[in-house]
Amino acid sequence: MVIGIVAGLCAKFGLFKKWWQVIISGVIITLALSIIAIPIRVYMFGGLTGSGADFITAYLLATGKDLFSAVFITVITDNLIDKVVTALLAWAIVKGLPKRFTSRFPRASAVID
């Protein structure tokens, strides 16, 4: 839900018009998601959720980091890569759609123009 809300706000403010703005949007989405995800991972799941990124958390814990720091570093790095790449991919797909198709969607101008 957070990703959809933040991505929608980024589009509303014109942060999906150029490729470099899409990268900024991906970073903003990552930061907003991290505010929600880190406490959930730490307090509900003890830092481990069963994802591949848990190896990074386990490594950081083994090197002496506290649980919150280990989860913080893992969530930020994992989501930063994921959300920026996803935002760029979605932007490229929408940019590649034909005008006759996107003209049906009034908010498509937030990405296409």
Protein backbone atom coordinates (compact mmCIF):
# COMPACT_ATOMS: atom_id res chain seq x y z
CA MET A 1 0.00 0.00 0.00
CA VAL A 2 2.82 2.38 0.88
CA ILE A 3 4.53 1.79 -2.46
CA GLY A 4 1.33 2.60 -4.37
CA ILE A 5 0.64 5.76 -2.38
CA VAL A 6 4.20 7.09 -2.65
CA ALA A 7 4.52 6.18 -6.35
CA GLY A 8 1.22 7.93 -7.03
CA LEU A 9 2.38 11.04 -5.20
CA CYS A 10 5.68 11.00 -7.09
CA ALA A 11 3.77 10.79 -10.37
CA LYS A 12 1.43 13.57 -9.28
CA PHE A 13 4.42 15.83 -8.67
CA GLY A 14 5.99 14.95 -12.02
CA LEU A 15 8.77 12.64 -10.84
CA PHE A 16 8.22 10.10 -13.62
CA LYS A 17 8.89 12.27 -16.66
CA LYS A 18 12.64 11.74 -17.09
CA TRP A 19 14.80 8.71 -16.30
CA TRP A 20 16.77 10.52 -13.59
CA GLN A 21 13.52 11.60 -11.91
CA VAL A 22 12.42 7.96 -11.91
CA ILE A 23 15.60 7.09 -9.99
CA ILE A 24 14.75 9.80 -7.45
CA SER A 25 11.24 8.35 -7.20
CA GLY A 26 12.72 4.90 -6.53
CA VAL A 27 14.82 6.34 -3.71
CA ILE A 28 11.80 8.13 -2.21
CA ILE A 29 9.74 4.93 -2.42
CA THR A 30 12.57 3.03 -0.72
CA LEU A 31 12.78 5.51 2.14
CA ALA A 32 9.01 5.51 2.71
CA LEU A 33 8.85 1.72 2.58
CA SER A 34 11.79 1.37 4.95
CA ILE A 35 10.04 3.44 7.61
CA ILE A 36 7.27 0.83 7.60
CA ALA A 37 9.30 -2.34 6.89
CA ILE A 38 12.13 -2.02 9.42
CA PRO A 39 9.98 -1.98 12.58
CA ILE A 40 7.85 -4.83 11.22
CA ARG A 41 10.89 -6.98 10.48
CA VAL A 42 12.52 -6.23 13.82
CA TYR A 43 9.56 -6.49 16.19
CA MET A 44 7.27 -8.99 14.47
CA PHE A 45 9.80 -11.31 12.85
CA GLY A 46 12.94 -10.84 14.95
CA GLY A 47 14.80 -9.48 11.93
CA LEU A 48 14.44 -12.54 9.71
CA THR A 49 11.58 -12.93 7.23
CA GLY A 50 12.67 -15.90 5.14
CA SER A 51 13.89 -13.85 2.17
CA GLY A 52 17.30 -14.10 0.55
CA ALA A 53 18.25 -10.77 2.11
CA ASP A 54 18.25 -12.50 5.50
CA PHE A 55 21.75 -13.73 4.68
CA ILE A 56 22.93 -10.13 4.79
CA THR A 57 21.16 -9.60 8.11
CA ALA A 58 22.71 -12.77 9.53
CA TYR A 59 26.16 -11.74 8.33
CA LEU A 60 25.82 -8.29 9.88
CA LEU A 61 24.65 -9.82 13.15
CA ALA A 62 27.66 -12.16 13.09
CA THR A 63 30.00 -9.19 12.65
CA GLY A 64 28.65 -7.57 15.80
CA LYS A 65 25.94 -5.22 14.54
CA ASP A 66 22.85 -4.92 16.69
CA LEU A 67 19.57 -6.26 15.29
CA PHE A 68 18.07 -2.89 14.34
CA SER A 69 21.21 -1.76 12.49
CA ALA A 70 21.54 -5.07 10.66
CA VAL A 71 17.92 -4.97 9.51
CA PHE A 72 18.19 -1.26 8.61
CA ILE A 73 21.22 -1.84 6.37
CA THR A 74 19.63 -4.91 4.77
CA VAL A 75 16.28 -3.27 4.06
CA ILE A 76 17.79 -0.08 2.67
CA THR A 77 20.27 -1.80 0.35
CA ASP A 78 17.91 -4.54 -0.82
CA ASN A 79 14.95 -2.21 -1.42
CA LEU A 80 17.03 0.54 -2.98
CA ILE A 81 18.20 -1.74 -5.75
CA ASP A 82 14.79 -3.38 -6.15
CA LYS A 83 12.63 -0.25 -6.16
CA VAL A 84 14.86 1.80 -8.47
CA VAL A 85 15.08 -1.02 -11.02
CA THR A 86 11.33 -1.68 -10.77
CA ALA A 87 10.49 2.02 -11.19
CA LEU A 88 12.78 2.29 -14.24
CA LEU A 89 11.27 -0.84 -15.77
CA ALA A 90 7.68 0.34 -15.22
CA TRP A 91 8.55 3.78 -16.61
CA ALA A 92 10.12 2.25 -19.73
CA ILE A 93 7.07 0.04 -20.31
CA VAL A 94 4.64 2.94 -20.00
CA LYS A 95 6.83 5.16 -22.21
CA GLY A 96 6.79 2.42 -24.84
CA LEU A 97 3.02 2.13 -25.01
CA PRO A 98 1.37 3.54 -28.15
CA LYS A 99 -0.21 6.99 -27.90
CA ARG A 100 -3.58 5.66 -29.05
CA PHE A 101 -3.61 3.40 -25.99
CA THR A 102 -2.33 5.89 -23.40
CA SER A 103 -4.73 8.59 -24.58
CA ARG A 104 -7.48 6.64 -22.82
CA PHE A 105 -5.83 7.29 -19.46
CA PRO A 106 -5.82 10.95 -18.42
CA ARG A 107 -3.12 10.47 -15.77
CA ALA A 108 -0.73 8.85 -18.23
CA SER A 109 0.51 12.33 -19.05
CA ALA A 110 2.35 12.25 -15.69
CA VAL A 111 4.75 9.79 -17.33
CA ILE A 112 4.52 10.39 -21.06
CA ASP A 113 4.81 14.15 -21.50
